[in-house]
N, C-alpha and C. Protein backbone atom coordinates (compact mmCIF):
# COMPACT_ATOMS: atom_id res chain seq x y z
N MET A 1 -106.65 58.94 57.15
CA MET A 1 -107.74 58.04 56.59
C MET A 1 -107.93 57.80 55.28
N GLU A 2 -107.87 58.99 54.72
CA GLU A 2 -108.05 59.14 53.07
C GLU A 2 -107.00 58.43 52.51
N TRP A 3 -105.75 58.38 53.02
CA TRP A 3 -104.67 57.72 52.49
C TRP A 3 -104.71 56.15 52.32
N ALA A 4 -105.27 55.71 53.48
CA ALA A 4 -105.60 54.40 53.69
C ALA A 4 -106.74 53.96 53.02
N LEU A 5 -107.76 54.67 52.88
CA LEU A 5 -108.83 54.26 51.79
C LEU A 5 -108.20 54.21 50.36
N LEU A 6 -107.29 55.11 49.99
CA LEU A 6 -106.87 55.19 48.47
C LEU A 6 -105.95 53.83 48.48
N GLY A 7 -105.13 53.53 49.46
CA GLY A 7 -104.50 52.56 49.43
C GLY A 7 -105.24 50.92 49.45
N LEU A 8 -106.14 51.06 49.99
CA LEU A 8 -107.24 49.83 49.91
C LEU A 8 -107.85 49.65 48.62
N SER A 9 -108.03 50.96 47.91
CA SER A 9 -108.82 50.97 46.76
C SER A 9 -107.92 50.55 45.64
N ILE A 10 -106.62 50.80 45.77
CA ILE A 10 -105.62 50.32 44.84
C ILE A 10 -105.30 48.84 44.87
N LEU A 11 -105.11 48.43 46.12
CA LEU A 11 -105.18 46.85 46.40
C LEU A 11 -106.29 45.96 45.78
N PHE A 12 -107.43 46.71 46.11
CA PHE A 12 -108.66 45.84 45.41
C PHE A 12 -108.48 46.15 43.76
N LEU A 13 -108.14 47.16 43.46
CA LEU A 13 -108.04 47.24 41.96
C LEU A 13 -106.97 46.09 41.28
N ILE A 14 -105.98 45.98 42.16
CA ILE A 14 -104.81 45.19 41.63
C ILE A 14 -105.36 43.72 41.80
N PHE A 15 -106.24 43.51 42.88
CA PHE A 15 -106.67 41.95 43.21
C PHE A 15 -107.64 41.80 42.05
N ALA A 16 -108.63 42.61 41.87
CA ALA A 16 -109.54 42.59 40.74
C ALA A 16 -108.82 42.30 39.47
N TYR A 17 -107.84 42.95 39.12
CA TYR A 17 -107.07 42.73 37.73
C TYR A 17 -106.80 41.23 37.65
N VAL A 18 -106.05 40.94 38.69
CA VAL A 18 -105.39 39.59 38.78
C VAL A 18 -106.56 38.57 38.60
N VAL A 19 -107.74 38.61 39.36
CA VAL A 19 -108.64 37.55 39.22
C VAL A 19 -109.24 37.72 37.74
N ILE A 20 -109.44 38.79 37.24
CA ILE A 20 -110.04 38.96 35.72
C ILE A 20 -108.87 38.28 34.78
N GLN A 21 -107.80 38.65 34.88
CA GLN A 21 -106.78 38.05 33.90
C GLN A 21 -106.63 36.80 34.03
N GLY A 22 -106.68 36.04 35.38
CA GLY A 22 -106.62 34.72 35.59
C GLY A 22 -107.96 33.99 35.08
N THR A 23 -108.81 34.44 35.03
CA THR A 23 -110.46 33.95 34.48
C THR A 23 -110.15 33.88 32.97
N ARG A 24 -109.61 35.15 32.42
CA ARG A 24 -109.44 35.28 31.00
C ARG A 24 -108.62 34.15 30.42
N ALA A 25 -107.60 33.89 31.14
CA ALA A 25 -106.61 32.95 30.78
C ALA A 25 -106.97 31.47 30.93
N ALA A 26 -107.97 30.96 31.91
CA ALA A 26 -108.77 29.86 31.99
C ALA A 26 -109.55 29.66 30.98
N GLN A 27 -110.03 30.82 30.61
CA GLN A 27 -111.21 30.30 29.42
C GLN A 27 -110.41 30.38 28.13
N ALA A 28 -109.32 30.96 27.83
CA ALA A 28 -108.68 30.85 26.70
C ALA A 28 -108.17 29.27 26.51
N TRP A 29 -107.51 28.70 27.76
CA TRP A 29 -107.18 27.55 27.81
C TRP A 29 -108.36 26.58 27.39
N ARG A 30 -109.50 26.74 27.96
CA ARG A 30 -110.67 25.88 27.94
C ARG A 30 -110.99 25.91 26.64
N LYS A 31 -111.10 27.24 25.73
CA LYS A 31 -111.52 27.14 24.61
C LYS A 31 -110.67 26.52 23.45
N ALA A 32 -109.44 26.54 23.93
CA ALA A 32 -108.34 26.00 22.99
C ALA A 32 -108.41 24.38 22.99
N ALA A 33 -108.42 24.04 24.33
CA ALA A 33 -108.81 22.44 24.53
C ALA A 33 -109.95 21.96 23.84
N GLU A 34 -110.91 22.66 23.92
CA GLU A 34 -112.36 22.40 23.33
C GLU A 34 -112.19 22.39 21.69
N ALA A 35 -111.53 23.08 21.27
CA ALA A 35 -111.02 23.17 19.83
C ALA A 35 -110.19 22.09 19.40
N GLY A 36 -109.70 21.39 20.06
CA GLY A 36 -108.65 20.22 19.81
C GLY A 36 -107.44 20.63 19.91
N ASP A 37 -106.96 21.78 20.14
CA ASP A 37 -105.40 22.21 20.24
C ASP A 37 -104.52 21.12 21.11
N VAL A 38 -103.90 20.46 20.45
CA VAL A 38 -103.10 19.26 21.13
C VAL A 38 -101.99 19.99 22.02
N LYS A 39 -101.59 21.01 21.40
CA LYS A 39 -100.20 21.26 22.18
C LYS A 39 -100.81 21.84 23.59
N VAL A 40 -102.00 22.62 23.72
CA VAL A 40 -102.28 23.25 25.08
C VAL A 40 -102.94 22.08 25.90
N ILE A 41 -103.55 21.11 25.18
CA ILE A 41 -104.10 19.83 25.98
C ILE A 41 -102.68 19.29 26.58
N ARG A 42 -101.79 19.04 25.84
CA ARG A 42 -100.59 18.38 26.38
C ARG A 42 -100.15 19.29 27.70
N ASP A 43 -100.11 20.68 27.56
CA ASP A 43 -99.61 21.43 28.76
C ASP A 43 -100.56 21.17 29.87
N ILE A 44 -101.84 21.01 29.51
CA ILE A 44 -102.93 21.06 30.84
C ILE A 44 -102.40 19.74 31.41
N VAL A 45 -102.28 18.46 30.74
CA VAL A 45 -102.26 17.30 31.18
C VAL A 45 -100.85 17.15 32.11
N GLU A 46 -99.86 17.52 31.30
CA GLU A 46 -98.56 17.62 31.95
C GLU A 46 -98.47 18.31 33.31
N ASP A 47 -99.30 19.43 33.22
CA ASP A 47 -99.03 20.18 34.54
C ASP A 47 -99.96 19.58 35.41
N ALA A 48 -100.98 18.79 35.15
CA ALA A 48 -101.91 18.29 36.01
C ALA A 48 -100.90 16.93 36.68
N ILE A 49 -100.46 16.40 36.01
CA ILE A 49 -99.61 14.96 36.26
C ILE A 49 -98.41 15.48 37.26
N SER A 50 -97.86 16.61 36.93
CA SER A 50 -96.81 17.13 37.58
C SER A 50 -97.42 17.70 39.16
N ALA A 51 -98.45 18.38 39.26
CA ALA A 51 -99.02 18.51 40.39
C ALA A 51 -99.54 17.35 41.07
N TRP A 52 -100.04 16.30 40.72
CA TRP A 52 -100.31 15.19 41.36
C TRP A 52 -99.15 14.60 42.13
N ARG A 53 -98.01 14.56 41.31
CA ARG A 53 -96.78 13.96 41.88
C ARG A 53 -96.51 14.51 43.18
N SER A 54 -96.56 15.94 43.21
CA SER A 54 -95.93 16.64 44.46
C SER A 54 -97.40 16.67 45.43
N MET A 55 -98.88 16.60 45.12
CA MET A 55 -99.75 16.56 45.96
C MET A 55 -99.66 15.52 47.10
N LYS A 56 -100.24 16.10 48.22
CA LYS A 56 -100.40 15.23 49.59
C LYS A 56 -101.23 14.01 49.34
N ARG A 57 -101.16 12.97 49.70
CA ARG A 57 -102.05 11.73 49.55
C ARG A 57 -103.21 12.13 50.26
N PRO A 58 -104.34 11.86 49.47
CA PRO A 58 -105.56 12.03 49.99
C PRO A 58 -105.76 10.84 51.19
N LYS A 59 -106.35 11.26 52.17
CA LYS A 59 -106.57 10.14 53.29
C LYS A 59 -107.54 8.70 52.94
N ALA A 60 -108.17 9.01 51.80
CA ALA A 60 -109.24 7.79 51.29
C ALA A 60 -108.18 6.84 50.45
N VAL A 61 -107.11 7.40 49.87
CA VAL A 61 -106.55 6.64 49.18
C VAL A 61 -105.22 6.03 49.82
N ALA A 62 -104.99 4.66 49.79
CA ALA A 62 -103.82 3.93 50.21
C ALA A 62 -102.66 4.37 49.61
N SER A 63 -101.59 4.13 50.74
CA SER A 63 -100.37 4.86 50.27
C SER A 63 -99.59 4.14 48.86
N ASP A 64 -99.78 2.66 48.81
CA ASP A 64 -99.25 2.09 47.63
C ASP A 64 -99.99 2.21 46.54
N VAL A 65 -101.28 2.79 46.62
CA VAL A 65 -102.00 3.05 45.18
C VAL A 65 -101.71 4.55 44.85
N TRP A 66 -101.67 5.44 45.94
CA TRP A 66 -101.09 6.83 45.62
C TRP A 66 -99.73 6.84 45.07
N ARG A 67 -98.93 5.82 45.50
CA ARG A 67 -97.73 5.97 44.94
C ARG A 67 -97.51 5.54 43.53
N GLY A 68 -98.46 4.45 43.22
CA GLY A 68 -98.64 4.17 41.75
C GLY A 68 -99.17 5.18 40.93
N VAL A 69 -100.15 5.90 41.37
CA VAL A 69 -100.48 6.99 40.71
C VAL A 69 -99.66 8.10 40.47
N GLN A 70 -98.59 8.24 41.42
CA GLN A 70 -97.72 9.35 41.33
C GLN A 70 -96.63 8.71 40.36
N SER A 71 -96.67 7.47 39.81
CA SER A 71 -95.69 7.21 38.90
C SER A 71 -96.29 7.36 37.34
N MET A 72 -97.28 8.02 37.49
CA MET A 72 -98.10 8.23 36.02
C MET A 72 -97.13 8.95 35.05
N GLN A 73 -97.09 8.44 33.79
CA GLN A 73 -96.35 9.03 32.91
C GLN A 73 -97.18 9.46 31.50
N LEU A 74 -97.26 10.28 30.78
CA LEU A 74 -98.17 10.45 29.67
C LEU A 74 -97.53 9.91 28.57
N THR A 75 -98.13 8.95 27.88
CA THR A 75 -97.69 8.14 26.86
C THR A 75 -98.08 8.64 25.34
N ASP A 76 -99.38 9.14 25.41
CA ASP A 76 -99.82 9.79 24.10
C ASP A 76 -101.38 10.38 24.52
N LEU A 77 -101.70 11.35 23.62
CA LEU A 77 -102.94 11.97 23.65
C LEU A 77 -103.31 12.64 22.27
N GLY A 78 -104.56 13.12 22.35
CA GLY A 78 -105.11 13.54 21.13
C GLY A 78 -106.18 14.84 21.37
N PRO A 79 -106.86 15.23 20.64
CA PRO A 79 -108.00 16.13 20.80
C PRO A 79 -108.96 15.75 21.96
N ASP A 80 -109.17 14.26 22.01
CA ASP A 80 -110.24 13.99 22.82
C ASP A 80 -109.79 12.73 23.76
N PHE A 81 -108.51 12.30 23.85
CA PHE A 81 -108.04 11.53 24.66
C PHE A 81 -106.93 11.42 25.18
N VAL A 82 -106.61 10.82 26.33
CA VAL A 82 -105.33 10.88 26.85
C VAL A 82 -104.80 9.36 27.21
N ARG A 83 -103.66 9.02 27.09
CA ARG A 83 -103.12 7.78 27.54
C ARG A 83 -101.87 7.79 28.37
N VAL A 84 -101.76 7.10 29.39
CA VAL A 84 -100.87 7.15 30.39
C VAL A 84 -100.36 5.69 30.71
N SER A 85 -99.20 5.72 31.71
CA SER A 85 -98.81 4.39 31.97
C SER A 85 -98.45 4.43 33.55
N CYS A 86 -98.75 3.57 34.19
CA CYS A 86 -98.17 3.88 35.68
C CYS A 86 -97.64 2.36 36.27
N GLN A 87 -96.86 2.46 37.18
CA GLN A 87 -95.98 1.21 37.69
C GLN A 87 -96.81 0.57 38.91
N ALA A 88 -96.56 -0.61 39.01
CA ALA A 88 -97.09 -1.25 39.94
C ALA A 88 -96.40 -2.42 40.57
N GLN A 89 -96.08 -2.53 41.80
CA GLN A 89 -95.27 -3.77 42.50
C GLN A 89 -96.15 -4.49 43.55
N SER A 90 -95.49 -5.55 43.70
CA SER A 90 -95.93 -6.41 44.83
C SER A 90 -95.92 -5.69 46.34
N GLU A 91 -96.76 -5.85 47.17
CA GLU A 91 -96.67 -5.46 48.58
C GLU A 91 -96.42 -6.48 49.50
N TYR A 92 -95.31 -6.49 50.41
CA TYR A 92 -95.17 -7.56 51.21
C TYR A 92 -95.08 -7.12 52.85
N LYS A 93 -95.42 -8.05 53.69
CA LYS A 93 -95.16 -7.91 55.02
C LYS A 93 -94.45 -8.78 55.73
N LEU A 94 -93.89 -8.61 56.68
CA LEU A 94 -92.88 -9.57 57.54
C LEU A 94 -93.75 -10.48 58.48
N ALA A 95 -93.61 -11.56 58.51
CA ALA A 95 -94.59 -12.38 59.31
C ALA A 95 -93.68 -13.55 59.82
N ASP A 96 -93.52 -13.77 61.14
CA ASP A 96 -92.74 -14.90 61.75
C ASP A 96 -91.42 -14.93 60.81
N GLY A 97 -90.72 -13.83 60.67
CA GLY A 97 -89.49 -13.86 60.17
C GLY A 97 -89.35 -13.95 58.58
N ARG A 98 -90.49 -14.10 58.06
CA ARG A 98 -90.46 -14.36 56.62
C ARG A 98 -91.30 -13.01 55.93
N TRP A 99 -91.04 -12.80 54.63
CA TRP A 99 -91.57 -11.76 53.83
C TRP A 99 -92.90 -12.54 53.03
N ILE A 100 -93.95 -12.20 53.16
CA ILE A 100 -95.20 -12.63 52.56
C ILE A 100 -95.84 -11.62 51.87
N GLU A 101 -96.19 -12.04 50.37
CA GLU A 101 -96.73 -11.21 49.51
C GLU A 101 -98.17 -10.97 49.97
N VAL A 102 -98.50 -9.70 50.09
CA VAL A 102 -99.75 -9.45 50.61
C VAL A 102 -100.81 -9.04 49.35
N THR A 103 -100.27 -8.43 48.35
CA THR A 103 -101.05 -7.98 47.23
C THR A 103 -100.11 -8.15 46.11
N ASN A 104 -100.29 -8.79 44.98
CA ASN A 104 -99.68 -9.01 43.62
C ASN A 104 -99.49 -7.74 42.73
N PRO A 105 -98.59 -7.65 41.78
CA PRO A 105 -98.84 -6.43 41.11
C PRO A 105 -100.00 -6.10 40.28
N LEU A 106 -100.88 -7.10 39.83
CA LEU A 106 -102.23 -6.91 39.30
C LEU A 106 -103.21 -6.36 40.21
N GLN A 107 -103.12 -6.77 41.44
CA GLN A 107 -104.01 -6.01 42.51
C GLN A 107 -103.87 -4.79 42.55
N GLU A 108 -102.42 -4.46 42.70
CA GLU A 108 -102.12 -3.08 43.04
C GLU A 108 -102.74 -2.26 41.76
N GLY A 109 -102.16 -2.88 40.63
CA GLY A 109 -102.67 -2.23 39.27
C GLY A 109 -104.17 -2.02 39.13
N ILE A 110 -105.11 -2.66 39.61
CA ILE A 110 -106.29 -2.79 39.53
C ILE A 110 -106.78 -1.36 40.30
N ALA A 111 -106.26 -1.49 41.52
CA ALA A 111 -106.52 -0.22 42.32
C ALA A 111 -105.98 0.90 41.84
N ILE A 112 -104.94 0.97 41.13
CA ILE A 112 -104.12 2.20 40.68
C ILE A 112 -104.88 2.73 39.30
N THR A 113 -105.49 1.80 38.56
CA THR A 113 -106.22 2.04 37.20
C THR A 113 -107.40 2.83 37.79
N ALA A 114 -108.13 2.30 38.66
CA ALA A 114 -109.42 2.87 39.09
C ALA A 114 -109.24 4.21 39.46
N ARG A 115 -108.31 4.62 40.35
CA ARG A 115 -108.08 6.00 41.04
C ARG A 115 -107.56 6.80 39.74
N ALA A 116 -106.49 6.40 38.83
CA ALA A 116 -105.96 7.17 37.77
C ALA A 116 -107.00 7.62 36.89
N ALA A 117 -108.10 6.53 36.34
CA ALA A 117 -108.97 6.75 35.72
C ALA A 117 -110.08 7.87 35.91
N ASP A 118 -110.33 7.82 37.43
CA ASP A 118 -111.35 8.74 38.04
C ASP A 118 -110.80 10.12 37.74
N MET A 119 -109.45 10.29 37.99
CA MET A 119 -108.54 11.52 38.10
C MET A 119 -108.47 12.11 36.52
N LEU A 120 -108.21 11.38 35.43
CA LEU A 120 -108.09 11.71 34.22
C LEU A 120 -109.32 11.99 33.66
N LEU A 121 -110.34 11.52 34.04
CA LEU A 121 -111.72 11.85 33.61
C LEU A 121 -112.33 13.20 34.13
N TYR A 122 -112.27 13.21 35.60
CA TYR A 122 -112.86 14.20 36.29
C TYR A 122 -112.10 15.36 36.85
N GLU A 123 -110.74 15.26 37.10
CA GLU A 123 -110.01 16.43 37.58
C GLU A 123 -108.97 16.97 36.90
N LEU A 124 -109.12 16.77 35.56
CA LEU A 124 -108.29 17.51 34.78
C LEU A 124 -108.82 19.06 34.57
N PRO A 125 -107.92 20.05 34.84
CA PRO A 125 -108.49 21.50 34.60
C PRO A 125 -108.63 21.76 33.29
N HIS A 126 -109.73 22.35 32.75
CA HIS A 126 -109.74 23.15 31.56
C HIS A 126 -109.84 22.02 30.37
N PHE A 127 -109.98 20.93 30.49
CA PHE A 127 -109.97 19.75 29.49
C PHE A 127 -110.95 18.63 29.79
N ARG A 128 -111.94 18.46 29.06
CA ARG A 128 -112.66 17.22 29.42
C ARG A 128 -112.39 16.06 28.36
N SER A 129 -111.50 15.07 28.67
CA SER A 129 -111.29 14.19 27.89
C SER A 129 -112.43 13.16 27.73
N GLN A 130 -112.69 12.78 26.52
CA GLN A 130 -113.57 11.82 26.16
C GLN A 130 -113.43 10.53 26.27
N ARG A 131 -112.02 10.12 26.33
CA ARG A 131 -111.70 8.69 26.31
C ARG A 131 -110.31 8.77 26.98
N VAL A 132 -109.97 7.54 27.84
CA VAL A 132 -108.72 7.67 28.43
C VAL A 132 -108.28 6.22 28.55
N GLN A 133 -106.78 6.13 28.47
CA GLN A 133 -106.38 4.56 28.57
C GLN A 133 -105.23 4.88 29.72
N VAL A 134 -105.26 3.69 30.80
CA VAL A 134 -104.39 3.51 31.71
C VAL A 134 -103.60 2.02 31.53
N ASP A 135 -102.48 2.11 31.29
CA ASP A 135 -101.71 0.85 31.08
C ASP A 135 -100.73 0.73 32.35
N ILE A 136 -100.97 -0.39 32.76
CA ILE A 136 -100.13 -0.90 34.16
C ILE A 136 -99.00 -1.65 34.14
N TYR A 137 -97.78 -1.31 34.42
CA TYR A 137 -96.69 -2.03 34.16
C TYR A 137 -95.96 -2.44 35.47
N THR A 138 -95.16 -3.63 35.22
CA THR A 138 -94.54 -4.23 36.43
C THR A 138 -93.10 -4.73 35.90
N SER A 139 -92.34 -5.03 36.96
CA SER A 139 -90.92 -5.74 36.76
C SER A 139 -91.06 -7.25 36.55
N PHE A 140 -90.64 -7.89 35.59
CA PHE A 140 -90.58 -9.32 35.46
C PHE A 140 -89.23 -9.83 35.50
N ARG A 141 -88.78 -10.81 36.37
CA ARG A 141 -87.44 -11.40 36.09
C ARG A 141 -87.34 -12.42 35.14
N GLU A 142 -86.35 -12.29 34.50
CA GLU A 142 -86.25 -13.49 33.37
C GLU A 142 -85.24 -14.49 34.08
N ALA A 143 -85.11 -15.62 33.33
CA ALA A 143 -84.28 -17.03 33.68
C ALA A 143 -82.90 -16.57 34.04
N ASP A 144 -82.55 -15.43 33.32
CA ASP A 144 -81.03 -15.26 33.17
C ASP A 144 -80.70 -14.10 34.57
N GLY A 145 -81.61 -13.76 35.15
CA GLY A 145 -81.62 -12.83 36.24
C GLY A 145 -81.99 -11.38 35.80
N THR A 146 -81.97 -11.22 34.52
CA THR A 146 -82.39 -9.73 34.07
C THR A 146 -83.94 -9.32 34.38
N THR A 147 -84.05 -8.23 34.34
CA THR A 147 -85.70 -7.80 34.57
C THR A 147 -86.16 -7.00 33.34
N ARG A 148 -87.20 -7.15 33.12
CA ARG A 148 -87.91 -6.04 32.05
C ARG A 148 -89.21 -5.51 32.62
N ASN A 149 -89.48 -4.35 32.01
CA ASN A 149 -90.83 -3.75 32.29
C ASN A 149 -91.83 -4.25 31.41
N VAL A 150 -92.99 -4.86 31.98
CA VAL A 150 -94.03 -5.32 30.88
C VAL A 150 -95.37 -4.92 31.42
N CYS A 151 -96.13 -4.72 30.35
CA CYS A 151 -97.63 -4.34 30.75
C CYS A 151 -98.32 -5.72 31.28
N ILE A 152 -99.05 -5.44 32.26
CA ILE A 152 -99.93 -6.64 32.85
C ILE A 152 -101.37 -6.20 32.92
N LEU A 153 -101.76 -4.90 32.66
CA LEU A 153 -103.18 -4.63 32.61
C LEU A 153 -103.47 -3.45 31.88
N THR A 154 -104.28 -3.40 30.91
CA THR A 154 -104.61 -2.38 29.83
C THR A 154 -105.97 -1.92 29.95
N THR A 155 -106.27 -0.69 30.23
CA THR A 155 -107.70 -0.28 30.41
C THR A 155 -108.08 0.97 29.58
N ALA A 156 -108.90 0.79 28.51
CA ALA A 156 -109.47 1.91 27.78
C ALA A 156 -110.73 2.23 27.80
N ALA A 157 -111.19 3.18 27.97
CA ALA A 157 -112.79 3.84 28.44
C ALA A 157 -113.38 4.89 28.01
N ASP A 158 -114.32 4.98 27.46
CA ASP A 158 -114.88 6.29 27.10
C ASP A 158 -115.82 6.95 28.20
N ARG A 159 -116.69 7.79 27.98
CA ARG A 159 -117.55 8.49 29.05
C ARG A 159 -118.73 7.71 29.12
N ASP A 160 -119.18 7.08 28.06
CA ASP A 160 -120.48 6.29 28.10
C ASP A 160 -120.15 5.00 29.22
N ALA A 161 -118.93 4.49 29.02
CA ALA A 161 -118.46 3.50 30.24
C ALA A 161 -118.46 4.02 31.67
N ALA A 162 -117.91 5.28 31.67
CA ALA A 162 -117.57 5.85 32.96
C ALA A 162 -118.84 6.13 33.66
N ARG A 163 -119.92 6.80 32.81
CA ARG A 163 -121.19 6.90 33.19
C ARG A 163 -121.84 5.78 33.84
N ALA A 164 -121.47 4.68 33.56
CA ALA A 164 -122.33 3.46 34.00
C ALA A 164 -121.56 2.90 35.23
N VAL A 165 -120.47 3.53 35.49
CA VAL A 165 -119.53 3.15 36.65
C VAL A 165 -120.06 3.84 38.10
N ASP A 166 -120.44 3.14 39.12
CA ASP A 166 -120.54 3.51 40.37
C ASP A 166 -119.15 3.93 41.06
N TRP A 167 -118.58 5.17 40.95
CA TRP A 167 -117.24 5.36 41.60
C TRP A 167 -117.30 5.65 43.00
N GLU A 168 -118.46 5.71 43.41
CA GLU A 168 -118.41 5.64 45.11
C GLU A 168 -118.63 4.38 45.81
N ASP A 169 -119.39 3.48 45.30
CA ASP A 169 -119.65 2.20 45.92
C ASP A 169 -119.01 1.00 45.30
N TRP A 170 -118.50 0.98 44.25
CA TRP A 170 -117.96 -0.10 43.51
C TRP A 170 -116.60 -0.43 43.93
N SER A 171 -116.14 -1.49 44.08
CA SER A 171 -114.75 -1.83 44.36
C SER A 171 -113.65 -1.48 43.06
N PRO A 172 -112.53 -1.44 43.41
CA PRO A 172 -111.78 -1.11 42.10
C PRO A 172 -111.72 -2.38 41.29
N ASP A 173 -112.07 -3.59 41.59
CA ASP A 173 -112.27 -4.61 40.49
C ASP A 173 -113.26 -4.36 39.68
N GLN A 174 -114.56 -3.84 40.25
CA GLN A 174 -115.66 -3.69 39.59
C GLN A 174 -115.48 -2.55 38.64
N ILE A 175 -114.91 -1.59 39.16
CA ILE A 175 -114.53 -0.29 38.36
C ILE A 175 -113.96 -0.77 37.14
N VAL A 176 -112.76 -1.39 37.21
CA VAL A 176 -111.89 -2.03 36.21
C VAL A 176 -112.69 -2.56 35.37
N GLU A 177 -113.57 -3.72 35.70
CA GLU A 177 -114.29 -4.35 34.71
C GLU A 177 -115.21 -3.71 34.17
N GLY A 178 -115.84 -2.67 34.76
CA GLY A 178 -117.00 -1.82 33.95
C GLY A 178 -116.18 -1.05 32.94
N LEU A 179 -114.90 -0.78 33.17
CA LEU A 179 -114.27 0.16 31.99
C LEU A 179 -113.48 -0.72 31.05
N GLY A 180 -113.79 -1.93 31.17
CA GLY A 180 -113.13 -2.79 30.07
C GLY A 180 -111.67 -3.11 30.35
N GLY A 181 -111.26 -3.27 31.40
CA GLY A 181 -109.89 -3.74 31.63
C GLY A 181 -109.59 -4.90 31.32
N ARG A 182 -108.40 -5.16 30.66
CA ARG A 182 -108.04 -6.44 30.26
C ARG A 182 -106.59 -6.96 30.96
N TYR A 183 -106.57 -8.16 31.20
CA TYR A 183 -105.44 -8.94 31.53
C TYR A 183 -105.44 -10.36 31.56
N ARG A 184 -104.31 -11.00 31.90
CA ARG A 184 -104.23 -12.40 31.80
C ARG A 184 -103.65 -13.00 33.23
N LEU A 185 -104.15 -14.23 33.58
CA LEU A 185 -103.47 -14.92 34.59
C LEU A 185 -103.05 -16.32 34.29
N GLY A 186 -102.11 -16.55 34.89
CA GLY A 186 -101.35 -17.88 34.83
C GLY A 186 -102.07 -19.01 35.58
N ASP A 187 -101.32 -20.14 35.50
CA ASP A 187 -101.89 -21.49 36.00
C ASP A 187 -102.13 -21.21 37.61
N ARG A 188 -101.03 -20.42 38.00
CA ARG A 188 -101.15 -20.09 39.55
C ARG A 188 -101.77 -18.96 40.24
N GLY A 189 -102.32 -18.27 39.12
CA GLY A 189 -103.11 -17.07 39.49
C GLY A 189 -102.17 -15.88 39.37
N GLN A 190 -100.95 -15.81 38.71
CA GLN A 190 -100.09 -14.82 38.77
C GLN A 190 -100.43 -13.98 37.41
N PRO A 191 -100.18 -12.85 37.61
CA PRO A 191 -100.46 -11.80 36.43
C PRO A 191 -99.30 -12.22 35.06
N LEU A 192 -99.91 -12.25 34.10
CA LEU A 192 -99.11 -12.42 32.81
C LEU A 192 -98.97 -11.30 31.95
N PRO A 193 -97.84 -10.98 31.18
CA PRO A 193 -97.90 -9.86 30.30
C PRO A 193 -98.74 -9.70 29.26
N VAL A 194 -99.39 -8.79 28.99
CA VAL A 194 -100.27 -8.60 28.08
C VAL A 194 -99.98 -7.37 26.92
N GLU A 195 -100.48 -7.49 25.89
CA GLU A 195 -100.33 -6.69 24.73
C GLU A 195 -101.00 -5.23 25.08
N PRO A 196 -100.47 -4.06 25.20
CA PRO A 196 -101.40 -3.03 25.58
C PRO A 196 -102.15 -2.61 24.32
N LEU A 197 -103.32 -2.01 24.73
CA LEU A 197 -104.12 -1.86 23.48
C LEU A 197 -103.74 -0.66 22.48
N ALA A 198 -104.11 -0.72 21.31
CA ALA A 198 -103.51 0.35 20.61
C ALA A 198 -104.00 1.70 21.00
N THR A 199 -103.37 2.52 20.44
CA THR A 199 -103.55 4.05 20.67
C THR A 199 -105.06 4.41 20.09
N ALA A 200 -105.38 4.02 19.02
CA ALA A 200 -106.66 4.34 18.72
C ALA A 200 -107.91 3.69 19.33
N LYS A 201 -108.68 4.48 20.04
CA LYS A 201 -109.59 3.95 20.83
C LYS A 201 -110.85 3.59 20.04
N PRO A 202 -111.47 2.44 20.54
CA PRO A 202 -112.94 2.14 19.80
C PRO A 202 -113.82 3.03 20.60
N LYS A 203 -114.96 3.32 19.75
CA LYS A 203 -116.18 3.99 20.21
C LYS A 203 -116.93 3.34 21.26
N SER A 204 -116.83 2.02 21.43
CA SER A 204 -117.51 1.08 22.18
C SER A 204 -116.44 0.57 23.09
N THR A 205 -116.73 0.12 24.17
CA THR A 205 -115.57 -0.07 25.20
C THR A 205 -115.95 -1.73 25.27
N PRO A 206 -114.64 -2.38 25.11
CA PRO A 206 -114.60 -3.70 25.19
C PRO A 206 -114.98 -4.25 26.53
N LYS A 207 -115.47 -5.51 26.38
CA LYS A 207 -115.43 -6.17 27.86
C LYS A 207 -114.37 -6.82 28.44
N GLY A 208 -114.23 -6.65 29.74
CA GLY A 208 -113.25 -7.00 30.55
C GLY A 208 -113.00 -8.56 30.42
N ARG A 209 -111.62 -9.10 29.92
CA ARG A 209 -111.58 -10.57 29.86
C ARG A 209 -110.19 -10.81 30.38
N LYS A 210 -109.96 -12.18 30.78
CA LYS A 210 -108.73 -12.78 31.09
C LYS A 210 -108.72 -14.20 30.75
N ASN A 211 -107.76 -14.50 29.86
CA ASN A 211 -107.50 -15.81 29.61
C ASN A 211 -108.85 -16.19 28.70
N GLY A 212 -109.40 -15.46 28.08
CA GLY A 212 -110.72 -15.79 27.37
C GLY A 212 -111.86 -16.06 28.19
N VAL A 213 -111.81 -15.78 29.67
CA VAL A 213 -112.96 -15.68 30.47
C VAL A 213 -113.22 -14.37 30.81
N ARG A 214 -114.52 -13.94 31.05
CA ARG A 214 -114.84 -12.71 31.59
C ARG A 214 -114.19 -12.50 32.95
N ALA A 215 -113.82 -11.18 33.26
CA ALA A 215 -113.28 -10.66 34.49
C ALA A 215 -114.43 -10.75 35.30
N PRO A 216 -113.99 -11.10 36.88
CA PRO A 216 -115.12 -11.30 37.84
C PRO A 216 -116.25 -10.63 37.85
N ALA A 217 -117.56 -10.89 37.75
CA ALA A 217 -118.75 -10.16 37.67
C ALA A 217 -118.89 -9.24 38.79
N ARG A 218 -119.80 -8.00 38.69
CA ARG A 218 -119.85 -7.49 39.83
C ARG A 218 -120.72 -8.03 40.80
N ARG A 219 -120.40 -7.70 42.13
CA ARG A 219 -121.20 -8.23 43.23
C ARG A 219 -122.44 -7.33 43.48
């Protein structure tokens, strides 16, 4: 009995030591990130993106949207911001022997942006980014048959814009508009390439526009 109690005491001490060390490490990472240590911030963000890639899809997230989130690549960061790019493609379904486009890359990109921005703002451990940018890319086919990867949606937002968003009840379109998403549409409503916003983020969030017209108003 005495040996059993001794063994349990030793196991308890080992467990307590591991917990304390883990807590100290987390506090050290958090303090370094708050101090603007870019190397630590990069490690935190890259570890989070890697974890999201292997994480099981949440039930509330559509499979095509989660696939876009898992394509996330870190493109830039600083002491208070994170910039990433994601891939979006059309979704098709087979009807009467024909493949019909259900959603185009821009529609997919809007949903991906809403989810990715939420995760970057609120789910990064040990680092509270003040500004985030999500650039959505898709494949465009040239006249000669070659393809190139181009940006069709670029969204940069700070926490003031994020606080004005109703993340629970707004649609992805409303969220991206609230965050200042920018895109263009062609004459037939197809998404067109846009120039990604520069890395330097403005303090105020620009209004979402497309072809010189404001993006759809919130319902």
